[in-house]
Amino acid sequence: MSERQHPGLRVTWRRDGSLPTPLRFGLGEGDHDVAEVQDRWFGEGYVYAKVRTPEGGTYILRHDEERDAWEVTCFRAGPD
């Protein structure tokens, strides 16, 4: 299990075989557990993970393999 911190985003993850799997991430003041990895796909040098939080939010996280860095590319908040 690894934790990488980048400006504004903290991600705790593990490697499942060759795939990085996010377990928890934080944005600003809030941390989110990953309830489910719903989908994954690959881009040149990147692995994308569509994840769902227990609160119902959906986030697309991108892992840059070369820099070993994470970012949020898209999100939809869950119901209030």
PDB file of N, CA and C in Angstrom:
ATOM      1  N   MET A   1       0.858  -1.168   0.000  1.00  0.00           N
ATOM      2  CA  MET A   1       0.000   0.000   0.000  1.00  0.00           C
ATOM      3  C   MET A   1       0.904   1.230   0.000  1.00  0.00           C
ATOM      4  N   SER A   2       0.536   2.227  -0.780  1.00  0.00           N
ATOM      5  CA  SER A   2       1.312   3.456  -0.882  1.00  0.00           C
ATOM      6  C   SER A   2       0.397   4.645  -0.671  1.00  0.00           C
ATOM      7  N   GLU A   3       0.976   5.731  -0.220  1.00  0.00           N
ATOM      8  CA  GLU A   3       0.239   6.988  -0.163  1.00  0.00           C
ATOM      9  C   GLU A   3       1.064   8.024  -0.890  1.00  0.00           C
ATOM     10  N   ARG A   4       0.476   8.671  -1.862  1.00  0.00           N
ATOM     11  CA  ARG A   4       1.143   9.715  -2.629  1.00  0.00           C
ATOM     12  C   ARG A   4       0.393  11.007  -2.377  1.00  0.00           C
ATOM     13  N   GLN A   5       1.123  12.066  -2.092  1.00  0.00           N
ATOM     14  CA  GLN A   5       0.507  13.366  -1.887  1.00  0.00           C
ATOM     15  C   GLN A   5       0.952  14.304  -2.985  1.00  0.00           C
ATOM     16  N   HIS A   6       0.004  14.935  -3.634  1.00  0.00           N
ATOM     17  CA  HIS A   6       0.253  15.902  -4.690  1.00  0.00           C
ATOM     18  C   HIS A   6      -0.587  17.128  -4.366  1.00  0.00           C
ATOM     19  N   PRO A   7      -0.274  18.267  -4.924  1.00  0.00           N
ATOM     20  CA  PRO A   7      -1.002  19.491  -4.570  1.00  0.00           C
ATOM     21  C   PRO A   7      -2.518  19.298  -4.605  1.00  0.00           C
ATOM     22  N   GLY A   8      -3.150  19.404  -3.442  1.00  0.00           N
ATOM     23  CA  GLY A   8      -4.595  19.311  -3.354  1.00  0.00           C
ATOM     24  C   GLY A   8      -5.167  17.906  -3.359  1.00  0.00           C
ATOM     25  N   LEU A   9      -4.381  16.882  -3.615  1.00  0.00           N
ATOM     26  CA  LEU A   9      -4.907  15.516  -3.705  1.00  0.00           C
ATOM     27  C   LEU A   9      -3.974  14.558  -2.982  1.00  0.00           C
ATOM     28  N   ARG A  10      -4.563  13.740  -2.120  1.00  0.00           N
ATOM     29  CA  ARG A  10      -3.835  12.669  -1.429  1.00  0.00           C
ATOM     30  C   ARG A  10      -4.504  11.359  -1.821  1.00  0.00           C
ATOM     31  N   VAL A  11      -3.716  10.363  -2.219  1.00  0.00           N
ATOM     32  CA  VAL A  11      -4.278   9.072  -2.625  1.00  0.00           C
ATOM     33  C   VAL A  11      -3.536   7.951  -1.909  1.00  0.00           C
ATOM     34  N   THR A  12      -4.287   7.088  -1.246  1.00  0.00           N
ATOM     35  CA  THR A  12      -3.744   5.852  -0.686  1.00  0.00           C
ATOM     36  C   THR A  12      -4.151   4.746  -1.646  1.00  0.00           C
ATOM     37  N   TRP A  13      -3.172   3.943  -2.060  1.00  0.00           N
ATOM     38  CA  TRP A  13      -3.453   2.945  -3.094  1.00  0.00           C
ATOM     39  C   TRP A  13      -2.565   1.728  -2.901  1.00  0.00           C
ATOM     40  N   ARG A  14      -2.924   0.660  -3.617  1.00  0.00           N
ATOM     41  CA  ARG A  14      -2.102  -0.549  -3.661  1.00  0.00           C
ATOM     42  C   ARG A  14      -2.035  -0.999  -5.106  1.00  0.00           C
ATOM     43  N   ARG A  15      -1.105  -1.845  -5.386  1.00  0.00           N
ATOM     44  CA  ARG A  15      -0.965  -2.363  -6.751  1.00  0.00           C
ATOM     45  C   ARG A  15      -1.552  -3.768  -6.771  1.00  0.00           C
ATOM     46  N   ASP A  16      -2.564  -3.977  -7.619  1.00  0.00           N
ATOM     47  CA  ASP A  16      -3.161  -5.290  -7.857  1.00  0.00           C
ATOM     48  C   ASP A  16      -2.576  -5.811  -9.158  1.00  0.00           C
ATOM     49  N   GLY A  17      -1.584  -6.677  -9.053  1.00  0.00           N
ATOM     50  CA  GLY A  17      -0.876  -7.096 -10.258  1.00  0.00           C
ATOM     51  C   GLY A  17      -0.155  -5.887 -10.811  1.00  0.00           C
ATOM     52  N   SER A  18      -0.481  -5.507 -12.027  1.00  0.00           N
ATOM     53  CA  SER A  18       0.163  -4.331 -12.626  1.00  0.00           C
ATOM     54  C   SER A  18      -0.701  -3.075 -12.529  1.00  0.00           C
ATOM     55  N   LEU A  19      -1.883  -3.181 -11.918  1.00  0.00           N
ATOM     56  CA  LEU A  19      -2.809  -2.046 -11.881  1.00  0.00           C
ATOM     57  C   LEU A  19      -2.782  -1.314 -10.547  1.00  0.00           C
ATOM     58  N   PRO A  20      -2.613   0.007 -10.558  1.00  0.00           N
ATOM     59  CA  PRO A  20      -2.756   0.771  -9.324  1.00  0.00           C
ATOM     60  C   PRO A  20      -4.236   0.849  -8.951  1.00  0.00           C
ATOM     61  N   THR A  21      -4.545   0.551  -7.694  1.00  0.00           N
ATOM     62  CA  THR A  21      -5.923   0.549  -7.222  1.00  0.00           C
ATOM     63  C   THR A  21      -6.079   1.544  -6.076  1.00  0.00           C
ATOM     64  N   PRO A  22      -6.835   2.630  -6.288  1.00  0.00           N
ATOM     65  CA  PRO A  22      -7.038   3.601  -5.207  1.00  0.00           C
ATOM     66  C   PRO A  22      -7.929   3.007  -4.116  1.00  0.00           C
ATOM     67  N   LEU A  23      -7.550   3.249  -2.856  1.00  0.00           N
ATOM     68  CA  LEU A  23      -8.319   2.777  -1.705  1.00  0.00           C
ATOM     69  C   LEU A  23      -9.000   3.922  -0.969  1.00  0.00           C
ATOM     70  N   ARG A  24      -8.352   5.088  -0.971  1.00  0.00           N
ATOM     71  CA  ARG A  24      -8.841   6.270  -0.268  1.00  0.00           C
ATOM     72  C   ARG A  24      -8.178   7.483  -0.909  1.00  0.00           C
ATOM     73  N   PHE A  25      -8.896   8.599  -0.954  1.00  0.00           N
ATOM     74  CA  PHE A  25      -8.304   9.815  -1.494  1.00  0.00           C
ATOM     75  C   PHE A  25      -8.870  11.023  -0.770  1.00  0.00           C
ATOM     76  N   GLY A  26      -8.107  12.078  -0.774  1.00  0.00           N
ATOM     77  CA  GLY A  26      -8.525  13.299  -0.105  1.00  0.00           C
ATOM     78  C   GLY A  26      -8.390  14.490  -1.021  1.00  0.00           C
ATOM     79  N   LEU A  27      -9.389  15.333  -0.974  1.00  0.00           N
ATOM     80  CA  LEU A  27      -9.412  16.586  -1.736  1.00  0.00           C
ATOM     81  C   LEU A  27      -9.652  17.714  -0.749  1.00  0.00           C
ATOM     82  N   GLY A  28      -8.701  18.600  -0.629  1.00  0.00           N
ATOM     83  CA  GLY A  28      -8.882  19.725   0.289  1.00  0.00           C
ATOM     84  C   GLY A  28      -9.162  19.246   1.700  1.00  0.00           C
ATOM     85  N   GLU A  29     -10.332  19.583   2.233  1.00  0.00           N
ATOM     86  CA  GLU A  29     -10.652  19.258   3.619  1.00  0.00           C
ATOM     87  C   GLU A  29     -11.238  17.868   3.807  1.00  0.00           C
ATOM     88  N   GLY A  30     -11.716  17.218   2.755  1.00  0.00           N
ATOM     89  CA  GLY A  30     -12.416  15.944   2.930  1.00  0.00           C
ATOM     90  C   GLY A  30     -11.663  14.744   2.388  1.00  0.00           C
ATOM     91  N   ASP A  31     -11.758  13.640   3.114  1.00  0.00           N
ATOM     92  CA  ASP A  31     -11.215  12.363   2.654  1.00  0.00           C
ATOM     93  C   ASP A  31     -12.369  11.457   2.260  1.00  0.00           C
ATOM     94  N   HIS A  32     -12.119  10.614   1.252  1.00  0.00           N
ATOM     95  CA  HIS A  32     -13.144   9.712   0.740  1.00  0.00           C
ATOM     96  C   HIS A  32     -12.585   8.297   0.657  1.00  0.00           C
ATOM     97  N   ASP A  33     -13.321   7.340   1.212  1.00  0.00           N
ATOM     98  CA  ASP A  33     -12.993   5.937   0.994  1.00  0.00           C
ATOM     99  C   ASP A  33     -13.502   5.544  -0.379  1.00  0.00           C
ATOM    100  N   VAL A  34     -12.857   4.570  -0.984  1.00  0.00           N
ATOM    101  CA  VAL A  34     -13.335   4.027  -2.259  1.00  0.00           C
ATOM    102  C   VAL A  34     -14.172   2.797  -1.937  1.00  0.00           C
ATOM    103  N   ALA A  35     -15.469   2.869  -2.210  1.00  0.00           N
ATOM    104  CA  ALA A  35     -16.361   1.739  -1.968  1.00  0.00           C
ATOM    105  C   ALA A  35     -16.255   0.721  -3.092  1.00  0.00           C
ATOM    106  N   GLU A  36     -16.017   1.222  -4.320  1.00  0.00           N
ATOM    107  CA  GLU A  36     -15.987   0.327  -5.480  1.00  0.00           C
ATOM    108  C   GLU A  36     -15.204   0.968  -6.623  1.00  0.00           C
ATOM    109  N   VAL A  37     -14.375   0.183  -7.263  1.00  0.00           N
ATOM    110  CA  VAL A  37     -13.777   0.601  -8.534  1.00  0.00           C
ATOM    111  C   VAL A  37     -14.728   0.097  -9.608  1.00  0.00           C
ATOM    112  N   GLN A  38     -15.420   1.004 -10.279  1.00  0.00           N
ATOM    113  CA  GLN A  38     -16.467   0.640 -11.229  1.00  0.00           C
ATOM    114  C   GLN A  38     -15.938   0.318 -12.614  1.00  0.00           C
ATOM    115  N   ASP A  39     -14.820   0.925 -12.982  1.00  0.00           N
ATOM    116  CA  ASP A  39     -14.271   0.711 -14.324  1.00  0.00           C
ATOM    117  C   ASP A  39     -12.818   1.149 -14.322  1.00  0.00           C
ATOM    118  N   ARG A  40     -12.066   0.632 -15.303  1.00  0.00           N
ATOM    119  CA  ARG A  40     -10.680   1.042 -15.526  1.00  0.00           C
ATOM    120  C   ARG A  40     -10.431   1.076 -17.019  1.00  0.00           C
ATOM    121  N   TRP A  41      -9.560   1.968 -17.428  1.00  0.00           N
ATOM    122  CA  TRP A  41      -9.123   1.974 -18.813  1.00  0.00           C
ATOM    123  C   TRP A  41      -7.744   2.615 -18.873  1.00  0.00           C
ATOM    124  N   PHE A  42      -7.109   2.469 -20.018  1.00  0.00           N
ATOM    125  CA  PHE A  42      -5.725   2.882 -20.177  1.00  0.00           C
ATOM    126  C   PHE A  42      -5.602   3.949 -21.240  1.00  0.00           C
ATOM    127  N   GLY A  43      -4.716   4.885 -21.007  1.00  0.00           N
ATOM    128  CA  GLY A  43      -4.284   5.857 -21.993  1.00  0.00           C
ATOM    129  C   GLY A  43      -2.780   5.723 -22.096  1.00  0.00           C
ATOM    130  N   GLU A  44      -2.173   6.393 -23.012  1.00  0.00           N
ATOM    131  CA  GLU A  44      -0.723   6.288 -23.166  1.00  0.00           C
ATOM    132  C   GLU A  44      -0.032   6.863 -21.933  1.00  0.00           C
ATOM    133  N   GLY A  45       0.535   5.979 -21.110  1.00  0.00           N
ATOM    134  CA  GLY A  45       1.220   6.397 -19.895  1.00  0.00           C
ATOM    135  C   GLY A  45       0.326   6.615 -18.694  1.00  0.00           C
ATOM    136  N   TYR A  46      -0.980   6.383 -18.836  1.00  0.00           N
ATOM    137  CA  TYR A  46      -1.927   6.618 -17.754  1.00  0.00           C
ATOM    138  C   TYR A  46      -2.809   5.398 -17.534  1.00  0.00           C
ATOM    139  N   VAL A  47      -3.285   5.266 -16.279  1.00  0.00           N
ATOM    140  CA  VAL A  47      -4.336   4.313 -15.944  1.00  0.00           C
ATOM    141  C   VAL A  47      -5.451   5.125 -15.295  1.00  0.00           C
ATOM    142  N   TYR A  48      -6.662   4.969 -15.770  1.00  0.00           N
ATOM    143  CA  TYR A  48      -7.827   5.665 -15.227  1.00  0.00           C
ATOM    144  C   TYR A  48      -8.638   4.695 -14.387  1.00  0.00           C
ATOM    145  N   ALA A  49      -9.208   5.198 -13.289  1.00  0.00           N
ATOM    146  CA  ALA A  49     -10.095   4.399 -12.451  1.00  0.00           C
ATOM    147  C   ALA A  49     -11.336   5.225 -12.146  1.00  0.00           C
ATOM    148  N   LYS A  50     -12.491   4.670 -12.481  1.00  0.00           N
ATOM    149  CA  LYS A  50     -13.764   5.288 -12.115  1.00  0.00           C
ATOM    150  C   LYS A  50     -14.173   4.659 -10.793  1.00  0.00           C
ATOM    151  N   VAL A  51     -14.275   5.489  -9.743  1.00  0.00           N
ATOM    152  CA  VAL A  51     -14.545   4.967  -8.413  1.00  0.00           C
ATOM    153  C   VAL A  51     -15.818   5.580  -7.838  1.00  0.00           C
ATOM    154  N   ARG A  52     -16.436   4.828  -6.946  1.00  0.00           N
ATOM    155  CA  ARG A  52     -17.633   5.288  -6.228  1.00  0.00           C
ATOM    156  C   ARG A  52     -17.299   5.346  -4.743  1.00  0.00           C
ATOM    157  N   THR A  53     -17.728   6.411  -4.076  1.00  0.00           N
ATOM    158  CA  THR A  53     -17.526   6.552  -2.631  1.00  0.00           C
ATOM    159  C   THR A  53     -18.764   6.036  -1.896  1.00  0.00           C
ATOM    160  N   PRO A  54     -18.655   5.736  -0.600  1.00  0.00           N
ATOM    161  CA  PRO A  54     -19.831   5.296   0.158  1.00  0.00           C
ATOM    162  C   PRO A  54     -20.962   6.328   0.168  1.00  0.00           C
ATOM    163  N   GLU A  55     -20.622   7.607  -0.008  1.00  0.00           N
ATOM    164  CA  GLU A  55     -21.641   8.668  -0.035  1.00  0.00           C
ATOM    165  C   GLU A  55     -22.346   8.769  -1.386  1.00  0.00           C
ATOM    166  N   GLY A  56     -21.901   7.981  -2.363  1.00  0.00           N
ATOM    167  CA  GLY A  56     -22.544   7.978  -3.674  1.00  0.00           C
ATOM    168  C   GLY A  56     -21.864   8.845  -4.714  1.00  0.00           C
ATOM    169  N   GLY A  57     -20.754   9.487  -4.370  1.00  0.00           N
ATOM    170  CA  GLY A  57     -20.022  10.291  -5.347  1.00  0.00           C
ATOM    171  C   GLY A  57     -19.284   9.398  -6.335  1.00  0.00           C
ATOM    172  N   THR A  58     -19.122   9.895  -7.548  1.00  0.00           N
ATOM    173  CA  THR A  58     -18.377   9.177  -8.581  1.00  0.00           C
ATOM    174  C   THR A  58     -17.218  10.061  -9.019  1.00  0.00           C
ATOM    175  N   TYR A  59     -16.026   9.491  -9.044  1.00  0.00           N
ATOM    176  CA  TYR A  59     -14.811  10.231  -9.381  1.00  0.00           C
ATOM    177  C   TYR A  59     -14.022   9.441 -10.410  1.00  0.00           C
ATOM    178  N   ILE A  60     -13.381  10.134 -11.323  1.00  0.00           N
ATOM    179  CA  ILE A  60     -12.437   9.504 -12.239  1.00  0.00           C
ATOM    180  C   ILE A  60     -11.056   9.988 -11.827  1.00  0.00           C
ATOM    181  N   LEU A  61     -10.233   9.035 -11.395  1.00  0.00           N
ATOM    182  CA  LEU A  61      -8.869   9.309 -10.962  1.00  0.00           C
ATOM    183  C   LEU A  61      -7.918   8.821 -12.038  1.00  0.00           C
ATOM    184  N   ARG A  62      -6.884   9.595 -12.291  1.00  0.00           N
ATOM    185  CA  ARG A  62      -5.898   9.238 -13.321  1.00  0.00           C
ATOM    186  C   ARG A  62      -4.535   9.086 -12.669  1.00  0.00           C
ATOM    187  N   HIS A  63      -3.888   7.965 -12.938  1.00  0.00           N
ATOM    188  CA  HIS A  63      -2.542   7.717 -12.413  1.00  0.00           C
ATOM    189  C   HIS A  63      -1.548   7.833 -13.552  1.00  0.00           C
ATOM    190  N   ASP A  64      -0.614   8.768 -13.406  1.00  0.00           N
ATOM    191  CA  ASP A  64       0.467   8.965 -14.373  1.00  0.00           C
ATOM    192  C   ASP A  64       1.577   7.998 -13.989  1.00  0.00           C
ATOM    193  N   GLU A  65       1.767   6.966 -14.799  1.00  0.00           N
ATOM    194  CA  GLU A  65       2.730   5.910 -14.495  1.00  0.00           C
ATOM    195  C   GLU A  65       4.161   6.436 -14.423  1.00  0.00           C
ATOM    196  N   GLU A  66       4.535   7.325 -15.312  1.00  0.00           N
ATOM    197  CA  GLU A  66       5.907   7.820 -15.362  1.00  0.00           C
ATOM    198  C   GLU A  66       6.260   8.672 -14.144  1.00  0.00           C
ATOM    199  N   ARG A  67       5.368   9.580 -13.781  1.00  0.00           N
ATOM    200  CA  ARG A  67       5.610  10.474 -12.638  1.00  0.00           C
ATOM    201  C   ARG A  67       5.139   9.886 -11.317  1.00  0.00           C
ATOM    202  N   ASP A  68       4.391   8.761 -11.369  1.00  0.00           N
ATOM    203  CA  ASP A  68       3.772   8.159 -10.192  1.00  0.00           C
ATOM    204  C   ASP A  68       2.935   9.202  -9.456  1.00  0.00           C
ATOM    205  N   ALA A  69       2.065   9.880 -10.221  1.00  0.00           N
ATOM    206  CA  ALA A  69       1.241  10.958  -9.687  1.00  0.00           C
ATOM    207  C   ALA A  69      -0.230  10.704 -10.021  1.00  0.00           C
ATOM    208  N   TRP A  70      -1.108  11.143  -9.127  1.00  0.00           N
ATOM    209  CA  TRP A  70      -2.556  11.005  -9.299  1.00  0.00           C
ATOM    210  C   TRP A  70      -3.191  12.373  -9.516  1.00  0.00           C
ATOM    211  N   GLU A  71      -4.331  12.373 -10.221  1.00  0.00           N
ATOM    212  CA  GLU A  71      -5.159  13.575 -10.307  1.00  0.00           C
ATOM    213  C   GLU A  71      -6.608  13.168 -10.506  1.00  0.00           C
ATOM    214  N   VAL A  72      -7.510  14.057 -10.138  1.00  0.00           N
ATOM    215  CA  VAL A  72      -8.935  13.864 -10.390  1.00  0.00           C
ATOM    216  C   VAL A  72      -9.240  14.527 -11.713  1.00  0.00           C
ATOM    217  N   THR A  73      -9.796  13.767 -12.659  1.00  0.00           N
ATOM    218  CA  THR A  73     -10.116  14.344 -13.961  1.00  0.00           C
ATOM    219  C   THR A  73     -11.589  14.722 -14.080  1.00  0.00           C
ATOM    220  N   CYS A  74     -12.446  14.112 -13.238  1.00  0.00           N
ATOM    221  CA  CYS A  74     -13.876  14.366 -13.338  1.00  0.00           C
ATOM    222  C   CYS A  74     -14.539  13.869 -12.055  1.00  0.00           C
ATOM    223  N   PHE A  75     -15.626  14.498 -11.632  1.00  0.00           N
ATOM    224  CA  PHE A  75     -16.376  13.962 -10.486  1.00  0.00           C
ATOM    225  C   PHE A  75     -17.829  14.394 -10.558  1.00  0.00           C
ATOM    226  N   ARG A  76     -18.650  13.590  -9.893  1.00  0.00           N
ATOM    227  CA  ARG A  76     -20.071  13.906  -9.723  1.00  0.00           C
ATOM    228  C   ARG A  76     -20.380  13.619  -8.250  1.00  0.00           C
ATOM    229  N   ALA A  77     -20.832  14.619  -7.539  1.00  0.00           N
ATOM    230  CA  ALA A  77     -21.134  14.466  -6.120  1.00  0.00           C
ATOM    231  C   ALA A  77     -22.326  13.548  -5.928  1.00  0.00           C
ATOM    232  N   GLY A  78     -22.347  12.898  -4.793  1.00  0.00           N
ATOM    233  CA  GLY A  78     -23.478  12.024  -4.445  1.00  0.00           C
ATOM    234  C   GLY A  78     -24.643  12.837  -3.925  1.00  0.00           C
ATOM    235  N   PRO A  79     -25.742  12.154  -3.641  1.00  0.00           N
ATOM    236  CA  PRO A  79     -26.915  12.857  -3.106  1.00  0.00           C
ATOM    237  C   PRO A  79     -26.617  13.445  -1.744  1.00  0.00           C
ATOM    238  N   ASP A  80     -27.212  14.576  -1.437  1.00  0.00           N
ATOM    239  CA  ASP A  80     -27.018  15.233  -0.132  1.00  0.00           C
ATOM    240  C   ASP A  80     -27.962  14.669   0.890  1.00  0.00           C
TER     241      ASP A  80
END
